[in-house]
Each structure stands twice: as C-alpha cells, then as structure tokens.
Amino acid sequence: MTEILKRLKGTGTPVAVYYKSSGGFCAGFVHEADDEFVLMEFISPAGRFDGFHCIRIEEILKVDAGTKYLFNLVKVYRHYGEEIPVLKVSPKNVLENFIDFVIKSKRLCTMEIGFETLDKISGYAVGRDWNILEMRLLDEDGKADGYTRLDLEEIVYLGVDSEYEKYLALLSGLNGGVSPDGGEDGGKRGKKTGDKHILSFPFGK
C-alpha cells in the first residue's frame, strides 16, 4: 500500500481511500507520503475542498484510483475553482511536518488517537517537543476543555480545514470563542485573556 500511495503523489490521479475508522471512503489527491503516513487533499461528495488529512497507512484497507466516479468528482471540484491553502510538507516525516504546519498556521484540527479506542479529539495544537504534542482541547460546543499531551505514535488520523473543523470553529465563535493561540476571547479571535498553558513544555506560555 505504501509504494502505491507514493507513486500516486503529485500525479493528479484522484483516489478513494478506505480506512478503518471512516466507515466508508474518502476521495481526493495524494499530496505526500512516507513509510507511515499519507497526506491527502480531500474532496467532499459535493465536489468542494474538504481539507488536508494525514492518515496512518497501516489503517488503510483499500485504495481505488481513477474510477469514473472519481473523475466526475474532480470535474466538479475543478469547476468550483476554490483557492486551496498552500501546503509544503517534506516526504520525510510527513506527520511531524504536517503537525508543524498546523501549529504554525494555528488551524483547528481533529485527531483520532489510540489504535483500539480511537478517541476523537478536536482543538488547537499549540506546541511539539520531539514526539510529544500539546493540544488545547475544544468540546462539542466549541468551548475550551483544557489541555492534553499525547505521543505522536498514538495518532491514527489528523485533519484540518474540513467541513467539521469549519463548523466547530464557527460554533466556537458563536459560543464565546477560543482564539487559535489558545486564549478565550469572547468571540474576538486573537485577543487573549491571560489563559496559560497548564502543561510545562519549554515552549509553553
């Protein structure tokens, strides 16, 4: 599976990936891949940009490429001509590079962690110390829900800019708001209110 995904990157060939927690398939383009993770640009079933998603390759059950459905989906995608965020990730350590992008760009993200439990968490990745990530959590209402630290080895999936993250970010603003840098801001993004990282990383504030 790894070699197939590596060969597909940068070819413009639309693919559908079926992975264990998806309950179906997700479609898009292979943006980058290494021996452990594939980074994809997803397309929604309606033909819209649906974010960047990093998936652990061993969790992928099947890959389809170049089917009639996929090419029709890409036609609609190209028709909309949405502006896609620029994302440059090294072919080495795809997950770490993607996480660094998420931290630097202060994007709301969603993760699935733990191979057996597959806990789903959302929030802002606020710093990385080698293989340990600190994340400020949001609950299902988009409200601040504390911090967590996790090992990158526990990550099965990481996504940003999908419809779900856009929904949660909007809901967060409507419900009082959490700024991308982790401060509660009453719906005004960027204004901090003295909130501090609980976890004692060197990069913590």
Protein backbone atom coordinates (compact mmCIF):
# COMPACT_ATOMS: atom_id res chain seq x y z
CA MET A 1 0.00 0.00 0.00
CA THR A 2 2.81 2.42 0.88
CA GLU A 3 4.51 2.15 -2.52
CA ILE A 4 1.20 2.59 -4.35
CA LEU A 5 0.45 5.79 -2.45
CA LYS A 6 3.96 7.12 -3.03
CA ARG A 7 3.58 6.51 -6.78
CA LEU A 8 0.25 8.38 -6.81
CA LYS A 9 1.53 11.57 -5.19
CA GLY A 10 1.74 14.53 -7.50
CA THR A 11 0.18 12.68 -10.43
CA GLY A 12 -3.20 14.39 -10.22
CA THR A 13 -4.89 10.99 -10.18
CA PRO A 14 -7.98 11.04 -7.96
CA VAL A 15 -8.08 8.28 -5.37
CA ALA A 16 -10.51 6.91 -2.81
CA VAL A 17 -9.12 5.54 0.43
CA TYR A 18 -11.00 3.27 2.79
CA TYR A 19 -9.60 3.32 6.30
CA LYS A 20 -10.79 1.56 9.43
CA SER A 21 -12.44 4.44 11.25
CA SER A 22 -14.05 6.14 8.25
CA GLY A 23 -16.97 3.76 7.83
CA GLY A 24 -16.69 4.26 4.09
CA PHE A 25 -14.26 6.01 1.77
CA CYS A 26 -12.79 9.48 1.37
CA ALA A 27 -11.77 10.89 -2.01
CA GLY A 28 -9.07 13.28 -3.14
CA PHE A 29 -5.43 13.53 -4.16
CA VAL A 30 -2.26 12.18 -2.57
CA HIS A 31 -0.30 15.24 -1.51
CA GLU A 32 2.65 13.45 0.13
CA ALA A 33 3.53 10.06 1.60
CA ASP A 34 6.30 8.39 3.57
CA ASP A 35 6.56 4.88 5.03
CA GLU A 36 4.00 5.58 7.78
CA PHE A 37 1.59 8.32 6.73
CA VAL A 38 -0.16 9.61 3.65
CA LEU A 39 -1.21 13.26 3.45
CA MET A 40 -4.24 13.85 1.25
CA GLU A 41 -6.21 16.77 -0.14
CA PHE A 42 -9.82 15.65 0.30
CA ILE A 43 -12.83 16.47 -1.88
CA SER A 44 -16.30 16.40 -0.35
CA PRO A 45 -19.10 14.36 -2.00
CA ALA A 46 -20.42 17.71 -3.30
CA GLY A 47 -17.12 18.45 -5.07
CA ARG A 48 -15.78 21.02 -2.61
CA PHE A 49 -12.37 21.28 -0.94
CA ASP A 50 -12.66 19.28 2.29
CA GLY A 51 -9.33 19.84 3.98
CA PHE A 52 -5.97 18.15 4.38
CA HIS A 53 -5.90 14.80 6.11
CA CYS A 54 -2.96 12.74 7.37
CA ILE A 55 -3.75 9.03 7.72
CA ARG A 56 -1.63 6.24 9.14
CA ILE A 57 -1.10 3.91 6.17
CA GLU A 58 -1.45 0.67 8.13
CA GLU A 59 -5.05 1.74 8.90
CA ILE A 60 -5.94 1.91 5.18
CA LEU A 61 -7.89 -1.11 3.99
CA LYS A 62 -8.23 -0.35 0.28
CA VAL A 63 -7.33 2.27 -2.34
CA ASP A 64 -9.23 2.94 -5.58
CA ALA A 65 -7.75 5.17 -8.27
CA GLY A 66 -9.01 6.77 -11.47
CA THR A 67 -12.59 5.46 -11.37
CA LYS A 68 -15.42 7.11 -13.31
CA TYR A 69 -16.94 8.42 -10.08
CA LEU A 70 -13.65 9.98 -9.02
CA PHE A 71 -13.04 11.68 -12.36
CA ASN A 72 -16.59 13.12 -12.31
CA LEU A 73 -15.99 14.37 -8.78
CA VAL A 74 -12.78 16.08 -9.89
CA LYS A 75 -14.62 17.77 -12.79
CA VAL A 76 -16.98 19.40 -10.30
CA TYR A 77 -14.06 20.24 -7.99
CA ARG A 78 -12.17 21.96 -10.82
CA HIS A 79 -15.34 23.79 -11.87
CA TYR A 80 -15.66 25.44 -8.45
CA GLY A 81 -12.01 26.51 -8.60
CA GLU A 82 -11.67 27.09 -4.87
CA GLU A 83 -8.46 28.62 -3.57
CA ILE A 84 -6.59 25.86 -1.74
CA PRO A 85 -4.18 26.76 1.09
CA VAL A 86 -0.52 26.33 0.16
CA LEU A 87 0.94 23.34 1.98
CA LYS A 88 4.55 22.23 1.67
CA VAL A 89 5.45 19.07 3.54
CA SER A 90 8.67 17.09 3.31
CA PRO A 91 8.43 13.49 2.08
CA LYS A 92 10.37 12.58 5.21
CA ASN A 93 8.44 12.59 8.50
CA VAL A 94 5.14 13.57 6.89
CA LEU A 95 3.18 13.57 10.16
CA GLU A 96 5.71 15.73 12.04
CA ASN A 97 5.94 18.23 9.19
CA PHE A 98 2.17 18.41 8.90
CA ILE A 99 1.81 18.95 12.65
CA ASP A 100 4.36 21.76 12.50
CA PHE A 101 2.28 23.35 9.71
CA VAL A 102 -0.88 23.02 11.84
CA ILE A 103 0.85 24.62 14.85
CA LYS A 104 2.37 27.48 12.84
CA SER A 105 -0.85 28.27 10.95
CA LYS A 106 -2.95 27.97 14.16
CA ARG A 107 -5.52 25.79 12.49
CA LEU A 108 -8.28 23.98 14.32
CA CYS A 109 -7.68 20.27 13.89
CA THR A 110 -9.28 16.91 14.62
CA MET A 111 -7.40 13.78 15.61
CA GLU A 112 -8.16 10.14 16.16
CA ILE A 113 -5.79 8.62 18.68
CA GLY A 114 -5.29 5.18 20.18
CA PHE A 115 -5.42 2.19 17.88
CA GLU A 116 -8.03 0.26 19.87
CA THR A 117 -10.16 3.02 21.40
CA LEU A 118 -9.88 5.55 18.52
CA ASP A 119 -10.71 8.53 20.70
CA LYS A 120 -11.63 11.59 18.66
CA ILE A 121 -10.41 14.98 19.89
CA SER A 122 -10.53 18.48 18.43
CA GLY A 123 -8.74 21.70 19.23
CA TYR A 124 -5.58 23.67 18.58
CA ALA A 125 -2.12 22.07 18.50
CA VAL A 126 -0.06 24.57 20.46
CA GLY A 127 3.41 23.02 20.50
CA ARG A 128 5.56 19.96 19.86
CA ASP A 129 8.56 18.72 21.77
CA TRP A 130 10.05 15.96 19.60
CA ASN A 131 7.40 13.23 19.60
CA ILE A 132 5.14 14.77 22.25
CA LEU A 133 2.36 17.12 21.18
CA GLU A 134 0.50 19.59 23.39
CA MET A 135 -3.04 20.41 22.36
CA ARG A 136 -5.70 22.76 23.66
CA LEU A 137 -9.00 20.88 23.50
CA LEU A 138 -12.44 22.07 22.46
CA ASP A 139 -15.64 20.26 23.40
CA GLU A 140 -18.52 19.55 21.03
CA ASP A 141 -19.85 23.08 21.65
CA GLY A 142 -16.55 24.67 20.62
CA LYS A 143 -15.74 25.69 24.19
CA ALA A 144 -12.34 25.38 25.86
CA ASP A 145 -11.92 21.98 27.50
CA GLY A 146 -8.38 22.04 28.90
CA TYR A 147 -5.13 20.66 27.55
CA THR A 148 -3.73 17.26 26.72
CA ARG A 149 -0.32 15.85 25.87
CA LEU A 150 -0.01 12.89 23.56
CA ASP A 151 2.63 10.80 21.83
CA LEU A 152 2.71 11.10 18.04
CA GLU A 153 2.83 7.30 17.90
CA GLU A 154 -0.79 7.29 19.11
CA ILE A 155 -2.09 9.36 16.19
CA VAL A 156 -4.08 7.40 13.64
CA TYR A 157 -5.58 10.36 11.79
CA LEU A 158 -5.16 14.15 11.74
CA GLY A 159 -7.29 16.53 9.70
CA VAL A 160 -7.68 20.29 9.17
CA ASP A 161 -9.93 22.57 7.10
CA SER A 162 -12.71 20.00 6.63
CA GLU A 163 -16.37 20.91 6.93
CA TYR A 164 -16.31 19.65 10.51
CA GLU A 165 -13.42 21.89 11.59
CA LYS A 166 -15.08 24.87 9.87
CA TYR A 167 -18.34 24.12 11.68
CA LEU A 168 -16.63 23.76 15.07
CA ALA A 169 -14.60 26.95 14.60
CA LEU A 170 -17.77 28.88 13.74
CA LEU A 171 -19.64 27.35 16.67
CA SER A 172 -16.73 28.25 18.95
CA GLY A 173 -17.03 31.89 17.92
CA LEU A 174 -20.80 31.89 18.40
CA ASN A 175 -20.45 30.35 21.86
CA GLY A 176 -17.86 32.74 23.24
CA GLY A 177 -14.84 31.74 21.24
CA VAL A 178 -11.36 30.35 21.64
CA SER A 179 -8.63 32.05 19.67
CA PRO A 180 -6.14 29.99 17.64
CA ASP A 181 -3.40 30.80 20.15
CA GLY A 182 -5.44 29.18 22.89
CA GLY A 183 -6.93 32.18 24.68
CA GLU A 184 -10.63 32.55 25.30
CA ASP A 185 -11.67 35.72 23.53
CA GLY A 186 -15.41 36.15 23.76
CA GLY A 187 -15.74 35.61 20.03
CA LYS A 188 -13.00 38.10 19.07
CA ARG A 189 -10.27 35.97 17.56
CA GLY A 190 -6.75 36.74 18.64
CA LYS A 191 -7.45 38.55 21.90
CA LYS A 192 -6.06 36.69 24.89
CA THR A 193 -7.39 36.87 28.42
CA GLY A 194 -4.44 35.62 30.42
CA ASP A 195 -5.09 31.93 29.82
CA LYS A 196 -1.90 29.91 30.27
CA HIS A 197 -0.73 26.50 29.24
CA ILE A 198 -1.16 24.09 32.08
CA LEU A 199 1.43 21.68 30.75
CA SER A 200 5.05 22.64 31.29
CA PHE A 201 6.65 22.42 27.87
CA PRO A 202 9.61 24.74 27.19
CA PHE A 203 7.50 26.43 24.51
CA GLY A 204 4.53 26.86 26.87
CA LYS A 205 3.39 30.35 27.80
